[in-house]
N, C-alpha and C. Protein backbone atom coordinates (compact mmCIF):
# COMPACT_ATOMS: atom_id res chain seq x y z
N UNK A 1 -112.04 95.75 25.29
CA UNK A 1 -112.10 95.65 26.58
C UNK A 1 -111.28 94.73 26.67
N UNK A 2 -110.65 94.46 27.80
CA UNK A 2 -109.50 92.86 27.47
C UNK A 2 -109.93 92.90 29.67
N UNK A 3 -110.54 91.36 29.14
CA UNK A 3 -110.66 91.08 30.71
C UNK A 3 -109.67 90.07 31.28
N UNK A 4 -108.99 89.72 32.53
CA UNK A 4 -108.61 88.80 32.81
C UNK A 4 -108.97 87.92 33.77
N UNK A 5 -109.25 86.64 32.98
CA UNK A 5 -110.43 85.49 34.28
C UNK A 5 -109.42 84.02 34.41
N UNK A 6 -109.29 83.89 35.42
CA UNK A 6 -108.86 82.45 35.89
C UNK A 6 -109.39 81.86 35.45
N UNK A 7 -108.94 80.80 34.39
CA UNK A 7 -109.33 79.68 33.84
C UNK A 7 -108.64 78.55 33.78
N UNK A 8 -109.54 77.41 34.47
CA UNK A 8 -108.81 76.20 35.55
C UNK A 8 -108.79 75.01 33.96
N UNK A 9 -109.58 75.12 33.21
CA UNK A 9 -109.96 74.50 31.67
C UNK A 9 -110.41 75.08 30.56
N UNK A 10 -110.80 73.74 29.75
CA UNK A 10 -111.52 73.84 28.67
C UNK A 10 -112.92 74.09 29.32
N UNK A 11 -113.40 74.12 29.78
CA UNK A 11 -114.68 74.14 30.99
C UNK A 11 -115.17 75.02 30.67
N UNK A 12 -114.10 75.77 31.94
CA UNK A 12 -114.48 77.25 31.75
C UNK A 12 -114.42 78.09 31.01
N UNK A 13 -113.36 77.56 30.50
CA UNK A 13 -113.09 78.69 29.24
C UNK A 13 -114.47 78.92 28.62
N UNK A 14 -115.05 77.75 27.95
CA UNK A 14 -116.74 77.73 27.60
C UNK A 14 -117.23 78.38 27.77
N UNK A 15 -117.22 78.15 29.37
CA UNK A 15 -118.26 78.83 29.90
C UNK A 15 -118.33 80.49 30.17
N UNK A 16 -117.16 80.66 30.21
CA UNK A 16 -116.56 81.96 30.24
C UNK A 16 -117.14 82.75 28.69
N UNK A 17 -117.01 82.64 27.38
CA UNK A 17 -117.29 82.85 26.72
C UNK A 17 -118.43 83.00 26.35
N UNK A 18 -119.64 82.20 27.17
CA UNK A 18 -120.95 81.92 26.51
C UNK A 18 -121.33 83.35 27.70
N UNK A 19 -121.19 83.58 28.53
CA UNK A 19 -121.05 84.40 29.10
C UNK A 19 -120.97 85.81 28.78
N UNK A 20 -119.83 86.21 28.57
CA UNK A 20 -119.24 86.70 27.50
C UNK A 20 -120.28 87.53 25.97
N UNK A 21 -120.71 86.17 25.60
CA UNK A 21 -121.53 86.46 24.19
C UNK A 21 -122.80 86.71 24.60
N UNK A 22 -123.32 86.18 26.10
CA UNK A 22 -125.07 86.18 25.95
C UNK A 22 -124.99 87.66 26.65
N UNK A 23 -124.02 88.68 26.81
CA UNK A 23 -124.44 90.24 27.27
C UNK A 23 -124.75 90.83 26.04
N UNK A 24 -125.92 91.74 26.39
CA UNK A 24 -126.43 92.25 24.79
C UNK A 24 -125.22 93.71 24.52
N UNK A 25 -124.98 93.71 23.22
CA UNK A 25 -123.90 94.60 22.58
C UNK A 25 -122.79 94.17 22.40
N UNK A 26 -122.76 92.68 22.94
CA UNK A 26 -121.61 92.44 22.27
C UNK A 26 -121.44 91.56 20.81
N UNK A 27 -120.20 92.63 20.18
CA UNK A 27 -120.08 91.68 19.09
C UNK A 27 -119.53 90.26 18.69
N UNK A 28 -118.28 90.65 19.12
CA UNK A 28 -117.39 89.24 18.84
C UNK A 28 -116.42 89.39 20.81
N UNK A 29 -116.35 87.93 20.59
CA UNK A 29 -115.12 87.77 21.86
C UNK A 29 -113.90 86.49 21.47
N UNK A 30 -112.60 86.77 21.90
CA UNK A 30 -111.98 86.13 21.63
C UNK A 30 -110.92 85.98 22.49
N UNK A 31 -110.12 84.56 23.08
CA UNK A 31 -109.12 84.49 24.31
C UNK A 31 -108.39 84.93 23.60
N UNK A 32 -107.40 85.77 24.26
CA UNK A 32 -105.71 86.16 24.23
C UNK A 32 -104.90 85.90 25.28
N UNK A 33 -103.66 86.04 24.82
CA UNK A 33 -102.57 85.73 25.53
C UNK A 33 -102.01 84.25 25.91
N UNK A 34 -100.77 84.39 26.37
CA UNK A 34 -100.39 82.75 25.97
C UNK A 34 -100.78 81.86 26.74
N UNK A 35 -101.40 82.02 28.10
CA UNK A 35 -102.23 81.24 28.58
C UNK A 35 -103.67 81.27 28.36
N UNK A 36 -104.08 81.99 27.08
CA UNK A 36 -105.49 81.65 26.92
C UNK A 36 -106.56 82.51 28.00
N UNK A 37 -105.96 83.72 29.24
CA UNK A 37 -106.53 83.71 30.40
C UNK A 37 -107.10 85.05 30.47
N UNK A 38 -107.20 85.72 29.06
CA UNK A 38 -107.71 87.37 28.70
C UNK A 38 -108.66 87.15 27.85
N UNK A 39 -109.94 87.73 27.52
CA UNK A 39 -111.07 87.50 26.76
C UNK A 39 -110.87 89.09 26.25
N UNK A 40 -110.62 88.85 24.68
CA UNK A 40 -110.85 90.68 24.23
C UNK A 40 -112.29 90.24 23.82
N UNK A 41 -113.29 91.16 24.41
CA UNK A 41 -114.71 91.57 23.58
C UNK A 41 -114.64 92.78 23.08
N UNK A 42 -115.29 92.76 21.91
CA UNK A 42 -115.71 93.88 21.09
C UNK A 42 -117.21 93.94 21.07
N UNK A 43 -117.18 95.49 20.83
CA UNK A 43 -119.26 95.50 20.58
C UNK A 43 -119.21 97.16 20.79
N UNK A 44 -120.72 97.29 20.88
CA UNK A 44 -120.70 98.84 20.68
C UNK A 44 -121.87 98.76 22.25
N UNK A 45 -121.79 99.27 23.26
CA UNK A 45 -122.28 100.41 24.67
C UNK A 45 -122.38 98.85 25.46
N UNK A 46 -121.50 98.06 26.09
CA UNK A 46 -121.36 96.63 26.14
C UNK A 46 -120.91 97.49 27.69
N UNK A 47 -121.48 97.22 28.91
CA UNK A 47 -120.99 97.58 30.49
C UNK A 47 -119.99 96.83 30.84
N UNK A 48 -119.32 96.88 31.22
CA UNK A 48 -118.24 96.71 31.48
C UNK A 48 -117.98 95.68 33.16
N UNK A 49 -118.23 96.85 33.89
CA UNK A 49 -119.03 96.72 35.25
C UNK A 49 -119.66 95.05 35.64
N UNK A 50 -120.98 94.95 34.45
CA UNK A 50 -121.70 93.80 34.51
C UNK A 50 -121.15 92.66 34.09
N UNK A 51 -119.84 92.85 32.53
CA UNK A 51 -119.52 92.09 31.83
C UNK A 51 -118.82 91.20 33.25
N UNK A 52 -118.16 92.23 34.30
CA UNK A 52 -117.03 90.95 35.30
C UNK A 52 -117.52 91.11 35.93
N UNK A 53 -118.86 91.40 36.72
CA UNK A 53 -119.78 91.04 37.73
C UNK A 53 -120.18 89.69 37.70
N UNK A 54 -120.49 89.62 36.23
CA UNK A 54 -121.39 88.23 35.63
C UNK A 54 -120.31 87.11 35.85
N UNK A 55 -118.84 87.67 35.26
CA UNK A 55 -117.76 86.71 35.16
C UNK A 55 -116.86 86.13 36.35
N UNK A 56 -117.47 86.96 37.75
CA UNK A 56 -117.29 86.36 38.31
C UNK A 56 -118.06 85.56 39.62
N UNK A 57 -119.18 86.35 38.85
CA UNK A 57 -120.41 84.63 39.49
C UNK A 57 -120.11 83.29 38.88
N UNK A 58 -120.14 83.89 37.49
CA UNK A 58 -119.70 82.41 36.52
C UNK A 58 -118.55 81.47 36.90
N UNK A 59 -117.83 82.19 36.72
CA UNK A 59 -116.36 81.39 36.48
C UNK A 59 -116.03 82.07 37.57
N UNK A 60 -115.00 82.66 37.68
CA UNK A 60 -114.48 82.94 39.36
C UNK A 60 -113.31 84.43 39.27
N UNK A 61 -112.55 84.73 39.51
CA UNK A 61 -111.80 86.21 39.49
C UNK A 61 -111.98 86.49 38.33
N UNK A 62 -112.16 87.75 38.12
CA UNK A 62 -111.98 88.94 36.80
C UNK A 62 -111.86 89.96 37.54
N UNK A 63 -111.06 89.85 35.99
CA UNK A 63 -110.42 91.33 36.56
C UNK A 63 -110.43 92.38 35.35
N UNK A 64 -110.71 93.38 35.14
CA UNK A 64 -110.96 94.26 33.93
C UNK A 64 -109.16 94.95 33.74
N UNK A 65 -108.88 94.54 32.73
CA UNK A 65 -107.28 94.91 31.96
C UNK A 65 -107.36 96.52 31.75
N UNK A 66 -108.25 96.51 30.26
CA UNK A 66 -108.03 97.48 29.51
C UNK A 66 -109.49 97.55 28.90
N UNK A 67 -110.08 99.08 28.97
CA UNK A 67 -110.52 99.44 27.85
C UNK A 67 -110.71 100.78 27.20
N UNK A 68 -110.98 100.14 25.85
CA UNK A 68 -110.99 101.14 25.18
C UNK A 68 -111.44 101.16 23.74
N UNK A 69 -111.49 102.35 22.54
CA UNK A 69 -112.25 102.23 21.61
C UNK A 69 -112.17 101.35 20.65
N UNK A 70 -112.77 100.63 20.11
CA UNK A 70 -112.49 99.63 18.51
C UNK A 70 -111.84 100.23 17.58
N UNK A 71 -110.84 99.87 17.29
CA UNK A 71 -110.59 100.56 15.45
C UNK A 71 -111.65 100.31 14.64
N UNK A 72 -111.79 101.04 13.54
CA UNK A 72 -112.25 100.92 12.59
C UNK A 72 -112.22 100.12 11.36
N UNK A 73 -111.62 99.07 11.04
CA UNK A 73 -111.27 98.56 10.31
C UNK A 73 -112.06 97.95 8.97
N UNK A 74 -113.27 97.98 9.37
CA UNK A 74 -114.63 97.31 8.63
C UNK A 74 -115.21 98.73 7.67
N UNK A 75 -114.54 99.46 7.80
CA UNK A 75 -115.09 100.84 7.15
C UNK A 75 -115.22 100.53 5.20
N UNK A 76 -114.31 99.95 4.80
CA UNK A 76 -114.21 99.75 3.71
C UNK A 76 -115.86 98.92 2.92
N UNK A 77 -115.35 97.58 4.27
CA UNK A 77 -116.81 96.88 3.84
C UNK A 77 -117.94 97.76 3.92
N UNK A 78 -118.22 98.61 4.52
CA UNK A 78 -119.59 99.17 4.55
C UNK A 78 -119.57 99.99 3.30
N UNK A 79 -118.83 100.40 2.89
CA UNK A 79 -119.25 101.23 1.43
C UNK A 79 -119.33 100.51 0.18
N UNK A 80 -118.80 99.05 0.16
CA UNK A 80 -119.42 98.19 -1.39
C UNK A 80 -120.42 97.24 -0.70
N UNK A 81 -121.50 97.87 -0.82
CA UNK A 81 -122.49 97.59 -0.70
C UNK A 81 -122.73 96.33 -1.38
N UNK A 82 -123.17 95.23 -1.23
CA UNK A 82 -123.77 94.16 -2.61
C UNK A 82 -125.34 94.37 -3.03
N UNK A 83 -125.56 94.16 -3.92
CA UNK A 83 -127.39 94.38 -4.42
C UNK A 83 -127.88 93.01 -4.58
N UNK A 84 -128.03 92.71 -3.85
CA UNK A 84 -129.35 91.37 -4.45
C UNK A 84 -129.06 91.06 -5.87
N UNK A 85 -129.36 89.98 -5.61
CA UNK A 85 -129.27 89.62 -7.51
C UNK A 85 -130.73 89.11 -8.21
N UNK A 86 -129.96 89.64 -9.19
CA UNK A 86 -131.12 89.76 -10.68
C UNK A 86 -131.31 88.54 -11.40
N UNK A 87 -132.33 87.79 -11.04
CA UNK A 87 -132.64 86.58 -11.94
C UNK A 87 -133.15 87.53 -13.58
N UNK A 88 -133.26 86.73 -14.74
CA UNK A 88 -133.83 87.23 -16.01
C UNK A 88 -134.19 85.82 -16.30
N UNK A 89 -135.20 85.47 -16.27
CA UNK A 89 -136.27 84.75 -16.84
C UNK A 89 -136.67 84.75 -18.39
N UNK A 90 -136.03 83.19 -18.47
CA UNK A 90 -136.85 83.30 -19.93
C UNK A 90 -138.12 82.38 -20.40
N UNK A 91 -139.10 83.13 -20.80
CA UNK A 91 -141.01 82.64 -20.83
C UNK A 91 -140.38 82.32 -22.28
N UNK A 92 -141.17 80.81 -22.09
CA UNK A 92 -141.53 80.08 -23.32
C UNK A 92 -142.41 81.02 -24.65
N UNK A 93 -142.25 81.25 -25.96
CA UNK A 93 -143.60 82.01 -26.79
C UNK A 93 -144.41 81.14 -26.54
N UNK A 94 -145.58 81.80 -26.81
CA UNK A 94 -147.02 81.24 -26.68
C UNK A 94 -147.40 81.01 -28.04
N UNK A 95 -147.52 80.21 -28.47
CA UNK A 95 -147.48 79.59 -30.07
C UNK A 95 -149.29 80.53 -30.69
N UNK A 96 -149.09 81.04 -31.44
CA UNK A 96 -150.43 81.80 -32.12
C UNK A 96 -151.51 80.39 -32.25
N UNK A 97 -152.35 81.03 -32.11
CA UNK A 97 -153.48 80.03 -32.34
C UNK A 97 -154.61 81.44 -33.38
N UNK A 98 -154.97 80.19 -33.88
CA UNK A 98 -156.46 81.03 -34.85
C UNK A 98 -157.53 80.00 -34.91
N UNK A 99 -158.54 81.43 -35.07
CA UNK A 99 -160.15 80.57 -34.98
C UNK A 99 -160.09 80.56 -36.44
N UNK A 100 -160.87 78.84 -36.65
CA UNK A 100 -161.32 78.93 -37.83
C UNK A 100 -162.61 78.22 -37.82
N UNK A 101 -163.64 78.92 -38.83
CA UNK A 101 -165.08 78.60 -38.35
C UNK A 101 -165.26 77.55 -40.02
N UNK A 102 -166.35 76.40 -39.25
CA UNK A 102 -166.22 75.56 -40.15
C UNK A 102 -168.07 76.05 -40.69
N UNK A 103 -168.18 76.13 -41.78
CA UNK A 103 -169.56 76.49 -41.88
C UNK A 103 -170.54 74.91 -42.82
N UNK A 104 -169.62 73.84 -43.18
CA UNK A 104 -169.81 72.69 -43.44
C UNK A 104 -170.99 72.29 -42.95
N UNK A 105 -171.35 71.01 -43.37
CA UNK A 105 -172.21 70.21 -42.85
C UNK A 105 -172.02 70.04 -41.05
N UNK A 106 -173.19 70.04 -40.54
CA UNK A 106 -173.19 70.34 -38.75
C UNK A 106 -173.45 68.42 -38.42
N UNK A 107 -173.27 67.86 -37.89
CA UNK A 107 -173.76 66.77 -37.50
C UNK A 107 -174.85 67.20 -36.16
N UNK A 108 -175.98 66.47 -36.41
CA UNK A 108 -177.12 66.77 -35.90
C UNK A 108 -177.82 65.53 -35.24
N UNK A 109 -178.62 65.12 -34.25
CA UNK A 109 -178.75 64.14 -33.91
C UNK A 109 -180.68 64.43 -33.75
N UNK A 110 -181.49 63.46 -34.41
CA UNK A 110 -182.60 63.97 -34.11
C UNK A 110 -183.23 63.12 -34.05
């Protein structure tokens, strides 16, 4: 959806973007237009009426320009799922040990 907002400076632009991104369901928001007075919002389940009313309270005049379904461009990224890395560990071999029986004279303290 695209919302036209009257923004006077950089401070009001950043405030408007913070309001938009803080709304639930918003995936991304970007400034659009020659004078950057339009905010393009993409997301799933975003309430357009709630968005415009929050922008009107926080920034100033806000007008809903268009609402449309988003293009599905990221379908190829979902198909190629990356597997987690597999680590190969090289263990040091354990040296062989033997048992030696000593039947010789033993030391005894008496």
